[in-house]
Amino acid sequence: MIGNQYFDKLVAAAPVNSDSAKVDWAGIKSLLESKHINPSEVLAVTWCSFGIRNIEALVDSSALTIVHPTGIISSVGKRKSFGGSLKFSELNFSDCRQVSEEEHTDERGLGKYCIEFTGPGGVLLGRLQWEWRAKRFRDSRAEIMAVASERDRVMAVVRSLTV
């Protein structure tokens, strides 16, 4: 992974439910360095998508999401086509006014467990989204609860930093 034993252990322990991504680890390491984030100070790592669109949208790609003392950064470590800078989403806790849990399900057997971050005036700053898909003609409760559990695990870390 990136060569930091603590960080690599967090990544290895992060559950992979419906969300996973192919990661360029050199890009992740470079991103952490450019943002002055010490990998040994990371508090949680999870596989999810970072969204800023309508909660029903299924357009956000999964990435490695890193919770650190001052915020959240989400990326797969790849570079933009033009300019060559790293692609990532970022949220600073200092901008947040409210953190809330959200859930969405639809009739096709799809759903999301989310953490929403809002800023001044109720403006959506970003949303961490863990998706689940019910299996046809099968009991999918265990898979759905695993996704909810991962959201709850990350929410506990976020609440400890934003309250």
Protein backbone atom coordinates (compact mmCIF):
# COMPACT_ATOMS: atom_id res chain seq x y z
CA MET A 1 0.00 0.00 0.00
CA ILE A 2 1.69 3.29 0.97
CA GLY A 3 4.38 1.88 3.27
CA ASN A 4 3.11 3.28 6.58
CA GLN A 5 2.38 0.28 8.79
CA TYR A 6 -0.40 2.01 10.80
CA PHE A 7 -2.20 3.37 7.72
CA ASP A 8 -1.85 0.12 5.77
CA LYS A 9 -3.36 -1.79 8.71
CA LEU A 10 -6.37 0.59 8.74
CA VAL A 11 -6.90 0.03 5.02
CA ALA A 12 -6.63 -3.75 5.37
CA ALA A 13 -9.17 -3.73 8.23
CA ALA A 14 -11.75 -1.55 6.41
CA PRO A 15 -14.70 -3.73 5.39
CA VAL A 16 -15.50 -3.97 1.69
CA ASN A 17 -19.26 -4.23 1.18
CA SER A 18 -20.76 -3.05 -2.11
CA ASP A 19 -18.19 -0.24 -2.27
CA SER A 20 -14.64 -0.86 -3.42
CA ALA A 21 -12.27 0.71 -5.89
CA LYS A 22 -9.01 0.08 -7.67
CA VAL A 23 -6.51 2.40 -6.02
CA ASP A 24 -3.23 3.89 -7.21
CA TRP A 25 -1.34 3.71 -3.90
CA ALA A 26 1.48 5.99 -5.09
CA GLY A 27 -1.18 8.60 -5.85
CA ILE A 28 -2.73 8.22 -2.39
CA LYS A 29 0.68 8.62 -0.76
CA SER A 30 1.38 11.71 -2.87
CA LEU A 31 -2.04 13.17 -2.01
CA LEU A 32 -1.49 12.71 1.73
CA GLU A 33 1.92 14.37 1.45
CA SER A 34 0.58 17.31 -0.59
CA LYS A 35 -2.22 17.89 1.96
CA HIS A 36 0.21 17.55 4.89
CA ILE A 37 -1.74 14.63 6.36
CA ASN A 38 0.39 12.34 8.48
CA PRO A 39 -0.72 8.74 7.72
CA SER A 40 -0.02 7.85 11.37
CA GLU A 41 -2.65 10.39 12.50
CA VAL A 42 -5.46 9.04 10.30
CA LEU A 43 -8.42 8.04 12.47
CA ALA A 44 -10.49 5.90 10.08
CA VAL A 45 -10.40 4.56 6.55
CA THR A 46 -13.45 3.31 4.66
CA TRP A 47 -14.58 2.39 1.16
CA CYS A 48 -17.48 4.62 0.08
CA SER A 49 -18.38 7.37 -2.35
CA PHE A 50 -18.26 11.11 -1.72
CA GLY A 51 -21.26 12.86 -3.21
CA ILE A 52 -22.57 16.38 -3.59
CA ARG A 53 -25.57 15.59 -5.80
CA ASN A 54 -29.12 14.52 -5.04
CA ILE A 55 -29.15 11.51 -2.68
CA GLU A 56 -31.01 9.39 -5.25
CA ALA A 57 -28.25 9.82 -7.85
CA LEU A 58 -26.11 6.77 -8.55
CA VAL A 59 -23.29 8.64 -10.27
CA ASP A 60 -20.63 8.88 -7.55
CA SER A 61 -17.79 6.40 -7.77
CA SER A 62 -16.43 4.50 -4.79
CA ALA A 63 -13.07 5.56 -3.42
CA LEU A 64 -10.83 5.23 -0.41
CA THR A 65 -12.11 7.73 2.13
CA ILE A 66 -9.77 8.90 4.86
CA VAL A 67 -10.93 10.57 8.09
CA HIS A 68 -8.15 12.64 9.67
CA PRO A 69 -8.20 15.12 12.58
CA THR A 70 -9.18 18.15 10.48
CA GLY A 71 -11.41 16.62 7.82
CA ILE A 72 -12.07 14.00 5.18
CA ILE A 73 -10.37 13.27 1.90
CA SER A 74 -11.62 10.77 -0.68
CA SER A 75 -9.70 9.56 -3.73
CA VAL A 76 -8.51 6.59 -5.75
CA GLY A 77 -5.14 8.27 -6.27
CA LYS A 78 -5.54 8.84 -10.01
CA ARG A 79 -4.65 11.99 -11.90
CA LYS A 80 -6.92 14.27 -13.93
CA SER A 81 -6.72 14.02 -17.71
CA PHE A 82 -5.86 17.67 -18.11
CA GLY A 83 -3.27 19.24 -15.87
CA GLY A 84 -2.16 16.03 -14.21
CA SER A 85 -3.23 17.00 -10.69
CA LEU A 86 -4.66 14.35 -8.40
CA LYS A 87 -8.44 13.85 -8.39
CA PHE A 88 -9.96 13.95 -4.91
CA SER A 89 -12.86 15.25 -2.84
CA GLU A 90 -12.17 17.07 0.40
CA LEU A 91 -14.15 18.33 3.35
CA ASN A 92 -12.83 20.39 6.26
CA PHE A 93 -14.56 19.96 9.61
CA SER A 94 -14.09 23.68 10.33
CA ASP A 95 -16.62 24.43 7.55
CA CYS A 96 -19.28 22.05 8.97
CA ARG A 97 -22.22 23.33 10.96
CA GLN A 98 -24.14 20.06 11.11
CA VAL A 99 -23.42 16.36 10.62
CA SER A 100 -26.38 14.01 10.17
CA GLU A 101 -27.21 10.46 9.23
CA GLU A 102 -29.34 9.94 6.14
CA GLU A 103 -30.78 6.86 4.49
CA HIS A 104 -32.35 6.22 1.11
CA THR A 105 -34.01 3.16 -0.40
CA ASP A 106 -35.87 2.66 -3.65
CA GLU A 107 -38.21 0.05 -5.08
CA ARG A 108 -35.46 -1.64 -7.12
CA GLY A 109 -33.79 -3.04 -4.00
CA LEU A 110 -31.05 -0.42 -3.83
CA GLY A 111 -30.19 1.79 -0.93
CA LYS A 112 -27.65 4.06 0.72
CA TYR A 113 -26.57 4.77 4.26
CA CYS A 114 -25.05 8.24 4.39
CA ILE A 115 -23.38 10.87 6.52
CA GLU A 116 -24.24 14.39 5.38
CA PHE A 117 -22.17 17.47 6.16
CA THR A 118 -23.84 20.86 5.93
CA GLY A 119 -22.30 24.28 6.22
CA PRO A 120 -23.63 27.79 6.84
CA GLY A 121 -27.16 28.29 5.55
CA GLY A 122 -27.75 24.54 5.31
CA VAL A 123 -25.61 24.21 2.18
CA LEU A 124 -24.59 20.60 1.48
CA LEU A 125 -20.80 20.38 1.70
CA GLY A 126 -20.67 16.67 0.96
CA ARG A 127 -22.07 13.26 1.71
CA LEU A 128 -20.33 9.98 2.44
CA GLN A 129 -22.40 7.18 0.88
CA TRP A 130 -22.30 3.44 1.43
CA GLU A 131 -24.46 1.57 -1.08
CA TRP A 132 -26.23 -1.74 -0.71
CA ARG A 133 -28.10 -3.91 -3.18
CA ALA A 134 -30.68 -6.49 -2.13
CA LYS A 135 -30.33 -9.88 -3.79
CA ARG A 136 -33.39 -11.07 -5.64
CA PHE A 137 -35.25 -13.90 -3.90
CA ARG A 138 -32.73 -13.93 -1.02
CA ASP A 139 -32.62 -12.54 2.47
CA SER A 140 -30.20 -9.59 2.20
CA ARG A 141 -30.55 -8.33 5.76
CA ALA A 142 -27.03 -9.42 6.78
CA GLU A 143 -25.44 -7.49 3.89
CA ILE A 144 -27.61 -4.42 4.55
CA MET A 145 -26.74 -4.47 8.27
CA ALA A 146 -23.02 -4.75 7.43
CA VAL A 147 -23.28 -1.57 5.34
CA ALA A 148 -25.19 0.22 8.11
CA SER A 149 -22.59 -0.92 10.63
CA GLU A 150 -19.77 0.56 8.55
CA ARG A 151 -21.59 3.90 8.33
CA ASP A 152 -22.14 3.83 12.11
CA ARG A 153 -18.45 3.06 12.73
CA VAL A 154 -17.32 6.05 10.67
CA MET A 155 -20.06 8.27 12.14
CA ALA A 156 -18.74 7.59 15.65
CA VAL A 157 -15.29 8.84 14.59
CA VAL A 158 -16.72 11.89 12.81
CA ARG A 159 -18.93 12.82 15.76
CA SER A 160 -15.94 12.69 18.11
CA LEU A 161 -14.23 15.29 15.89
CA THR A 162 -17.14 17.60 15.11
CA VAL A 163 -19.03 17.86 18.42
